[in-house]
Amino acid sequence: MSSEALAKEEHFEALAAHHRQLEIWAENCPENFENRAALVGAEIARIQGRELDAQHLYEQAIRSAYANGFVHNEAIR
């Protein structure tokens, strides 16, 4: 595996670990973390080429951000 491919894999693993932590926080405090978990999940789906999943998660992130007053996250509309 090339060093570039290895670096991409390491970055993706770090992103996935961060997403898992956000999902745990979102379960305990959805008002603060649901939009962030959905946004990171959407990015993971986009990277993996799962466009429909990404679209659904982006929309979920926007709805949650709007409902909970996170205007800076809602702005991704």
PDB file of N, CA and C in Angstrom:
ATOM      1  N   MET A   1       0.850  -1.168   0.000  1.00  0.00           N
ATOM      2  CA  MET A   1       0.000   0.000   0.000  1.00  0.00           C
ATOM      3  C   MET A   1       0.900   1.236   0.000  1.00  0.00           C
ATOM      4  N   SER A   2       0.563   2.198  -0.847  1.00  0.00           N
ATOM      5  CA  SER A   2       1.375   3.409  -0.934  1.00  0.00           C
ATOM      6  C   SER A   2       1.201   4.248   0.333  1.00  0.00           C
ATOM      7  N   SER A   3       2.134   5.138   0.554  1.00  0.00           N
ATOM      8  CA  SER A   3       2.047   5.994   1.745  1.00  0.00           C
ATOM      9  C   SER A   3       0.833   6.907   1.661  1.00  0.00           C
ATOM     10  N   GLU A   4       0.460   7.323   0.454  1.00  0.00           N
ATOM     11  CA  GLU A   4      -0.737   8.166   0.292  1.00  0.00           C
ATOM     12  C   GLU A   4      -1.994   7.379   0.638  1.00  0.00           C
ATOM     13  N   ALA A   5      -2.084   6.151   0.160  1.00  0.00           N
ATOM     14  CA  ALA A   5      -3.241   5.305   0.465  1.00  0.00           C
ATOM     15  C   ALA A   5      -3.302   5.005   1.955  1.00  0.00           C
ATOM     16  N   LEU A   6      -2.160   4.762   2.559  1.00  0.00           N
ATOM     17  CA  LEU A   6      -2.113   4.496   3.993  1.00  0.00           C
ATOM     18  C   LEU A   6      -2.568   5.724   4.776  1.00  0.00           C
ATOM     19  N   ALA A   7      -2.132   6.898   4.360  1.00  0.00           N
ATOM     20  CA  ALA A   7      -2.546   8.139   5.032  1.00  0.00           C
ATOM     21  C   ALA A   7      -4.045   8.345   4.905  1.00  0.00           C
ATOM     22  N   LYS A   8      -4.608   8.093   3.717  1.00  0.00           N
ATOM     23  CA  LYS A   8      -6.062   8.228   3.528  1.00  0.00           C
ATOM     24  C   LYS A   8      -6.812   7.273   4.447  1.00  0.00           C
ATOM     25  N   GLU A   9      -6.327   6.047   4.527  1.00  0.00           N
ATOM     26  CA  GLU A   9      -6.972   5.054   5.389  1.00  0.00           C
ATOM     27  C   GLU A   9      -6.917   5.484   6.849  1.00  0.00           C
ATOM     28  N   GLU A  10      -5.785   5.996   7.282  1.00  0.00           N
ATOM     29  CA  GLU A  10      -5.648   6.452   8.665  1.00  0.00           C
ATOM     30  C   GLU A  10      -6.585   7.628   8.947  1.00  0.00           C
ATOM     31  N   HIS A  11      -6.692   8.554   8.000  1.00  0.00           N
ATOM     32  CA  HIS A  11      -7.593   9.697   8.176  1.00  0.00           C
ATOM     33  C   HIS A  11      -9.049   9.235   8.232  1.00  0.00           C
ATOM     34  N   PHE A  12      -9.393   8.275   7.368  1.00  0.00           N
ATOM     35  CA  PHE A  12     -10.756   7.773   7.369  1.00  0.00           C
ATOM     36  C   PHE A  12     -11.074   7.060   8.676  1.00  0.00           C
ATOM     37  N   GLU A  13     -10.142   6.286   9.186  1.00  0.00           N
ATOM     38  CA  GLU A  13     -10.350   5.602  10.466  1.00  0.00           C
ATOM     39  C   GLU A  13     -10.546   6.606  11.596  1.00  0.00           C
ATOM     40  N   ALA A  14      -9.788   7.697  11.568  1.00  0.00           N
ATOM     41  CA  ALA A  14      -9.941   8.743  12.581  1.00  0.00           C
ATOM     42  C   ALA A  14     -11.311   9.402  12.455  1.00  0.00           C
ATOM     43  N   LEU A  15     -11.747   9.644  11.227  1.00  0.00           N
ATOM     44  CA  LEU A  15     -13.067  10.229  10.992  1.00  0.00           C
ATOM     45  C   LEU A  15     -14.164   9.303  11.502  1.00  0.00           C
ATOM     46  N   ALA A  16     -14.028   8.012  11.223  1.00  0.00           N
ATOM     47  CA  ALA A  16     -15.020   7.033  11.680  1.00  0.00           C
ATOM     48  C   ALA A  16     -15.066   6.968  13.202  1.00  0.00           C
ATOM     49  N   ALA A  17     -13.922   7.034  13.848  1.00  0.00           N
ATOM     50  CA  ALA A  17     -13.885   7.016  15.318  1.00  0.00           C
ATOM     51  C   ALA A  17     -14.550   8.264  15.885  1.00  0.00           C
ATOM     52  N   HIS A  18     -14.284   9.404  15.278  1.00  0.00           N
ATOM     53  CA  HIS A  18     -14.917  10.642  15.723  1.00  0.00           C
ATOM     54  C   HIS A  18     -16.434  10.553  15.536  1.00  0.00           C
ATOM     55  N   HIS A  19     -16.863   9.974  14.422  1.00  0.00           N
ATOM     56  CA  HIS A  19     -18.296   9.814  14.170  1.00  0.00           C
ATOM     57  C   HIS A  19     -18.947   8.916  15.222  1.00  0.00           C
ATOM     58  N   ARG A  20     -18.280   7.841  15.582  1.00  0.00           N
ATOM     59  CA  ARG A  20     -18.833   6.955  16.627  1.00  0.00           C
ATOM     60  C   ARG A  20     -19.010   7.717  17.938  1.00  0.00           C
ATOM     61  N   GLN A  21     -18.047   8.555  18.297  1.00  0.00           N
ATOM     62  CA  GLN A  21     -18.157   9.347  19.527  1.00  0.00           C
ATOM     63  C   GLN A  21     -19.317  10.327  19.427  1.00  0.00           C
ATOM     64  N   LEU A  22     -19.469  10.979  18.287  1.00  0.00           N
ATOM     65  CA  LEU A  22     -20.588  11.907  18.100  1.00  0.00           C
ATOM     66  C   LEU A  22     -21.927  11.188  18.209  1.00  0.00           C
ATOM     67  N   GLU A  23     -22.003   9.968  17.675  1.00  0.00           N
ATOM     68  CA  GLU A  23     -23.254   9.210  17.780  1.00  0.00           C
ATOM     69  C   GLU A  23     -23.587   8.887  19.232  1.00  0.00           C
ATOM     70  N   ILE A  24     -22.579   8.567  20.023  1.00  0.00           N
ATOM     71  CA  ILE A  24     -22.810   8.302  21.450  1.00  0.00           C
ATOM     72  C   ILE A  24     -23.320   9.565  22.136  1.00  0.00           C
ATOM     73  N   TRP A  25     -22.675  10.686  21.862  1.00  0.00           N
ATOM     74  CA  TRP A  25     -23.114  11.951  22.457  1.00  0.00           C
ATOM     75  C   TRP A  25     -24.520  12.313  21.977  1.00  0.00           C
ATOM     76  N   ALA A  26     -24.812  12.040  20.706  1.00  0.00           N
ATOM     77  CA  ALA A  26     -26.135  12.356  20.159  1.00  0.00           C
ATOM     78  C   ALA A  26     -27.226  11.532  20.830  1.00  0.00           C
ATOM     79  N   GLU A  27     -26.907  10.300  21.203  1.00  0.00           N
ATOM     80  CA  GLU A  27     -27.887   9.476  21.912  1.00  0.00           C
ATOM     81  C   GLU A  27     -28.224  10.084  23.269  1.00  0.00           C
ATOM     82  N   ASN A  28     -27.224  10.683  23.907  1.00  0.00           N
ATOM     83  CA  ASN A  28     -27.413  11.241  25.245  1.00  0.00           C
ATOM     84  C   ASN A  28     -27.877  12.692  25.248  1.00  0.00           C
ATOM     85  N   CYS A  29     -27.578  13.415  24.187  1.00  0.00           N
ATOM     86  CA  CYS A  29     -27.963  14.822  24.114  1.00  0.00           C
ATOM     87  C   CYS A  29     -28.197  15.209  22.651  1.00  0.00           C
ATOM     88  N   PRO A  30     -29.313  14.742  22.072  1.00  0.00           N
ATOM     89  CA  PRO A  30     -29.554  14.999  20.655  1.00  0.00           C
ATOM     90  C   PRO A  30     -29.653  16.488  20.311  1.00  0.00           C
ATOM     91  N   GLU A  31     -30.087  17.296  21.259  1.00  0.00           N
ATOM     92  CA  GLU A  31     -30.222  18.730  20.995  1.00  0.00           C
ATOM     93  C   GLU A  31     -28.888  19.336  20.563  1.00  0.00           C
ATOM     94  N   ASN A  32     -27.804  18.869  21.143  1.00  0.00           N
ATOM     95  CA  ASN A  32     -26.489  19.429  20.857  1.00  0.00           C
ATOM     96  C   ASN A  32     -25.706  18.665  19.796  1.00  0.00           C
ATOM     97  N   PHE A  33     -25.916  17.365  19.688  1.00  0.00           N
ATOM     98  CA  PHE A  33     -25.010  16.560  18.867  1.00  0.00           C
ATOM     99  C   PHE A  33     -25.644  15.845  17.689  1.00  0.00           C
ATOM    100  N   GLU A  34     -26.968  15.782  17.604  1.00  0.00           N
ATOM    101  CA  GLU A  34     -27.588  15.052  16.501  1.00  0.00           C
ATOM    102  C   GLU A  34     -27.196  15.641  15.144  1.00  0.00           C
ATOM    103  N   ASN A  35     -27.217  16.968  15.033  1.00  0.00           N
ATOM    104  CA  ASN A  35     -26.882  17.578  13.740  1.00  0.00           C
ATOM    105  C   ASN A  35     -25.430  17.321  13.368  1.00  0.00           C
ATOM    106  N   ARG A  36     -24.551  17.326  14.337  1.00  0.00           N
ATOM    107  CA  ARG A  36     -23.126  17.086  14.060  1.00  0.00           C
ATOM    108  C   ARG A  36     -22.881  15.635  13.650  1.00  0.00           C
ATOM    109  N   ALA A  37     -23.524  14.698  14.352  1.00  0.00           N
ATOM    110  CA  ALA A  37     -23.370  13.284  14.009  1.00  0.00           C
ATOM    111  C   ALA A  37     -23.906  13.010  12.606  1.00  0.00           C
ATOM    112  N   ALA A  38     -25.043  13.616  12.273  1.00  0.00           N
ATOM    113  CA  ALA A  38     -25.611  13.423  10.942  1.00  0.00           C
ATOM    114  C   ALA A  38     -24.711  14.025   9.867  1.00  0.00           C
ATOM    115  N   LEU A  39     -24.139  15.183  10.140  1.00  0.00           N
ATOM    116  CA  LEU A  39     -23.268  15.840   9.170  1.00  0.00           C
ATOM    117  C   LEU A  39     -22.004  15.015   8.909  1.00  0.00           C
ATOM    118  N   VAL A  40     -21.387  14.514   9.956  1.00  0.00           N
ATOM    119  CA  VAL A  40     -20.187  13.691   9.778  1.00  0.00           C
ATOM    120  C   VAL A  40     -20.562  12.369   9.112  1.00  0.00           C
ATOM    121  N   GLY A  41     -21.706  11.819   9.477  1.00  0.00           N
ATOM    122  CA  GLY A  41     -22.181  10.601   8.824  1.00  0.00           C
ATOM    123  C   GLY A  41     -22.415  10.818   7.337  1.00  0.00           C
ATOM    124  N   ALA A  42     -22.937  11.985   6.986  1.00  0.00           N
ATOM    125  CA  ALA A  42     -23.166  12.323   5.574  1.00  0.00           C
ATOM    126  C   ALA A  42     -21.842  12.403   4.820  1.00  0.00           C
ATOM    127  N   GLU A  43     -20.850  12.992   5.439  1.00  0.00           N
ATOM    128  CA  GLU A  43     -19.539  13.089   4.796  1.00  0.00           C
ATOM    129  C   GLU A  43     -18.921  11.707   4.594  1.00  0.00           C
ATOM    130  N   ILE A  44     -19.094  10.833   5.574  1.00  0.00           N
ATOM    131  CA  ILE A  44     -18.582   9.469   5.438  1.00  0.00           C
ATOM    132  C   ILE A  44     -19.291   8.769   4.280  1.00  0.00           C
ATOM    133  N   ALA A  45     -20.611   8.902   4.221  1.00  0.00           N
ATOM    134  CA  ALA A  45     -21.370   8.290   3.130  1.00  0.00           C
ATOM    135  C   ALA A  45     -20.933   8.855   1.779  1.00  0.00           C
ATOM    136  N   ARG A  46     -20.696  10.150   1.710  1.00  0.00           N
ATOM    137  CA  ARG A  46     -20.253  10.780   0.463  1.00  0.00           C
ATOM    138  C   ARG A  46     -18.900  10.225   0.035  1.00  0.00           C
ATOM    139  N   ILE A  47     -17.975  10.119   0.978  1.00  0.00           N
ATOM    140  CA  ILE A  47     -16.636   9.587   0.680  1.00  0.00           C
ATOM    141  C   ILE A  47     -16.736   8.151   0.162  1.00  0.00           C
ATOM    142  N   GLN A  48     -17.666   7.397   0.725  1.00  0.00           N
ATOM    143  CA  GLN A  48     -17.827   5.994   0.333  1.00  0.00           C
ATOM    144  C   GLN A  48     -18.653   5.827  -0.942  1.00  0.00           C
ATOM    145  N   GLY A  49     -19.143   6.943  -1.497  1.00  0.00           N
ATOM    146  CA  GLY A  49     -19.915   6.873  -2.732  1.00  0.00           C
ATOM    147  C   GLY A  49     -21.369   6.504  -2.531  1.00  0.00           C
ATOM    148  N   ARG A  50     -21.866   6.614  -1.320  1.00  0.00           N
ATOM    149  CA  ARG A  50     -23.272   6.307  -1.014  1.00  0.00           C
ATOM    150  C   ARG A  50     -24.072   7.613  -1.049  1.00  0.00           C
ATOM    151  N   GLU A  51     -24.332   8.099  -2.273  1.00  0.00           N
ATOM    152  CA  GLU A  51     -24.914   9.421  -2.452  1.00  0.00           C
ATOM    153  C   GLU A  51     -26.293   9.580  -1.803  1.00  0.00           C
ATOM    154  N   LEU A  52     -27.160   8.575  -1.932  1.00  0.00           N
ATOM    155  CA  LEU A  52     -28.497   8.694  -1.349  1.00  0.00           C
ATOM    156  C   LEU A  52     -28.453   8.740   0.176  1.00  0.00           C
ATOM    157  N   ASP A  53     -27.595   7.923   0.764  1.00  0.00           N
ATOM    158  CA  ASP A  53     -27.426   7.961   2.218  1.00  0.00           C
ATOM    159  C   ASP A  53     -26.894   9.323   2.647  1.00  0.00           C
ATOM    160  N   ALA A  54     -25.933   9.830   1.879  1.00  0.00           N
ATOM    161  CA  ALA A  54     -25.355  11.143   2.194  1.00  0.00           C
ATOM    162  C   ALA A  54     -26.431  12.217   2.133  1.00  0.00           C
ATOM    163  N   GLN A  55     -27.239  12.203   1.082  1.00  0.00           N
ATOM    164  CA  GLN A  55     -28.297  13.204   0.940  1.00  0.00           C
ATOM    165  C   GLN A  55     -29.262  13.150   2.119  1.00  0.00           C
ATOM    166  N   HIS A  56     -29.672  11.942   2.498  1.00  0.00           N
ATOM    167  CA  HIS A  56     -30.586  11.786   3.631  1.00  0.00           C
ATOM    168  C   HIS A  56     -29.967  12.340   4.917  1.00  0.00           C
ATOM    169  N   LEU A  57     -28.705  12.044   5.138  1.00  0.00           N
ATOM    170  CA  LEU A  57     -28.036  12.501   6.357  1.00  0.00           C
ATOM    171  C   LEU A  57     -27.814  14.012   6.354  1.00  0.00           C
ATOM    172  N   TYR A  58     -27.489  14.590   5.189  1.00  0.00           N
ATOM    173  CA  TYR A  58     -27.364  16.049   5.111  1.00  0.00           C
ATOM    174  C   TYR A  58     -28.701  16.703   5.475  1.00  0.00           C
ATOM    175  N   GLU A  59     -29.794  16.163   4.948  1.00  0.00           N
ATOM    176  CA  GLU A  59     -31.116  16.711   5.256  1.00  0.00           C
ATOM    177  C   GLU A  59     -31.448  16.560   6.737  1.00  0.00           C
ATOM    178  N   GLN A  60     -31.091  15.419   7.323  1.00  0.00           N
ATOM    179  CA  GLN A  60     -31.302  15.213   8.756  1.00  0.00           C
ATOM    180  C   GLN A  60     -30.490  16.229   9.558  1.00  0.00           C
ATOM    181  N   ALA A  61     -29.263  16.471   9.161  1.00  0.00           N
ATOM    182  CA  ALA A  61     -28.403  17.450   9.850  1.00  0.00           C
ATOM    183  C   ALA A  61     -29.021  18.839   9.785  1.00  0.00           C
ATOM    184  N   ILE A  62     -29.533  19.211   8.626  1.00  0.00           N
ATOM    185  CA  ILE A  62     -30.151  20.529   8.464  1.00  0.00           C
ATOM    186  C   ILE A  62     -31.388  20.657   9.345  1.00  0.00           C
ATOM    187  N   ARG A  63     -32.253  19.641   9.328  1.00  0.00           N
ATOM    188  CA  ARG A  63     -33.473  19.683  10.158  1.00  0.00           C
ATOM    189  C   ARG A  63     -33.131  19.789  11.632  1.00  0.00           C
ATOM    190  N   SER A  64     -32.176  18.991  12.085  1.00  0.00           N
ATOM    191  CA  SER A  64     -31.795  19.006  13.492  1.00  0.00           C
ATOM    192  C   SER A  64     -31.153  20.336  13.876  1.00  0.00           C
ATOM    193  N   ALA A  65     -30.311  20.852  13.015  1.00  0.00           N
ATOM    194  CA  ALA A  65     -29.669  22.147  13.287  1.00  0.00           C
ATOM    195  C   ALA A  65     -30.719  23.251  13.389  1.00  0.00           C
ATOM    196  N   TYR A  66     -31.683  23.246  12.488  1.00  0.00           N
ATOM    197  CA  TYR A  66     -32.761  24.241  12.505  1.00  0.00           C
ATOM    198  C   TYR A  66     -33.580  24.118  13.793  1.00  0.00           C
ATOM    199  N   ALA A  67     -33.949  22.890  14.130  1.00  0.00           N
ATOM    200  CA  ALA A  67     -34.810  22.661  15.300  1.00  0.00           C
ATOM    201  C   ALA A  67     -34.126  23.051  16.603  1.00  0.00           C
ATOM    202  N   ASN A  68     -32.800  22.999  16.623  1.00  0.00           N
ATOM    203  CA  ASN A  68     -32.083  23.237  17.873  1.00  0.00           C
ATOM    204  C   ASN A  68     -31.268  24.528  17.880  1.00  0.00           C
ATOM    205  N   GLY A  69     -31.474  25.366  16.877  1.00  0.00           N
ATOM    206  CA  GLY A  69     -30.867  26.691  16.874  1.00  0.00           C
ATOM    207  C   GLY A  69     -29.393  26.760  16.500  1.00  0.00           C
ATOM    208  N   PHE A  70     -28.905  25.766  15.764  1.00  0.00           N
ATOM    209  CA  PHE A  70     -27.508  25.799  15.334  1.00  0.00           C
ATOM    210  C   PHE A  70     -27.449  26.388  13.923  1.00  0.00           C
ATOM    211  N   VAL A  71     -27.614  27.696  13.840  1.00  0.00           N
ATOM    212  CA  VAL A  71     -27.707  28.387  12.561  1.00  0.00           C
ATOM    213  C   VAL A  71     -26.467  28.153  11.708  1.00  0.00           C
ATOM    214  N   HIS A  72     -25.308  28.134  12.326  1.00  0.00           N
ATOM    215  CA  HIS A  72     -24.063  27.929  11.571  1.00  0.00           C
ATOM    216  C   HIS A  72     -24.018  26.539  10.934  1.00  0.00           C
ATOM    217  N   ASN A  73     -24.655  25.540  11.520  1.00  0.00           N
ATOM    218  CA  ASN A  73     -24.710  24.221  10.912  1.00  0.00           C
ATOM    219  C   ASN A  73     -25.871  24.134   9.922  1.00  0.00           C
ATOM    220  N   GLU A  74     -26.944  24.828  10.211  1.00  0.00           N
ATOM    221  CA  GLU A  74     -28.095  24.845   9.296  1.00  0.00           C
ATOM    222  C   GLU A  74     -27.722  25.494   7.971  1.00  0.00           C
ATOM    223  N   ALA A  75     -26.743  26.377   7.986  1.00  0.00           N
ATOM    224  CA  ALA A  75     -26.365  27.144   6.800  1.00  0.00           C
ATOM    225  C   ALA A  75     -25.862  26.270   5.662  1.00  0.00           C
ATOM    226  N   ILE A  76     -25.697  24.977   5.888  1.00  0.00           N
ATOM    227  CA  ILE A  76     -25.239  24.107   4.800  1.00  0.00           C
ATOM    228  C   ILE A  76     -26.340  23.875   3.777  1.00  0.00           C
ATOM    229  N   ARG A  77     -27.535  24.367   4.015  1.00  0.00           N
ATOM    230  CA  ARG A  77     -28.658  24.177   3.082  1.00  0.00           C
ATOM    231  C   ARG A  77     -28.245  24.476   1.694  1.00  0.00           C
TER     232      ARG A  77
END
